[in-house]
Amino acid sequence: MTFTRVAQKPEFCYYNTMKIEEMKQRLIEAYPDADAAKDIQVFDLTGTSDHWEVAVASSVFKGLSRIEQHQHVMKAFAAELKTGEVHALSIKTSIK
C-alpha cells in the first residue's frame, strides 16, 4: 500500500502585511485619548510583519475586565486577524 501526501492550498493567502506605522495609526484612531508617544507601543516580534505586540493605555478600558480590554483592542484589527495578515497579536492594556 502506498500513501501519497497531497499539499493542500492554505485557507487564507495574503500578500500585504501591515507596517508598524499602520498598526500604531489604527490604535491611535481607536483610542484618541491615548498619547501616541507614551500610551501606545507597537513591536514587530519576528520581523515578518505578522507577529505583533501592542501596548495601550486608555481610559476606554475603565470598568472592563482584562479579557474585555483585549477584545476591544482585537476589534481594531478584526479584518487582519481574520485573513491572517496579523497572525499573532500579543496585547498589554492599562487604564489611563
Foldseek 3Di string as FASTA:
>chain_A
DDDDDDDDDDPADDDDADDQVRLLVLVCVLAVVWDSVPAWDKDDPPPPRQAIEIEGEHQVCPPPDPVVVVVSSVVSVVVCCVRSSNVHYHYHYHYD
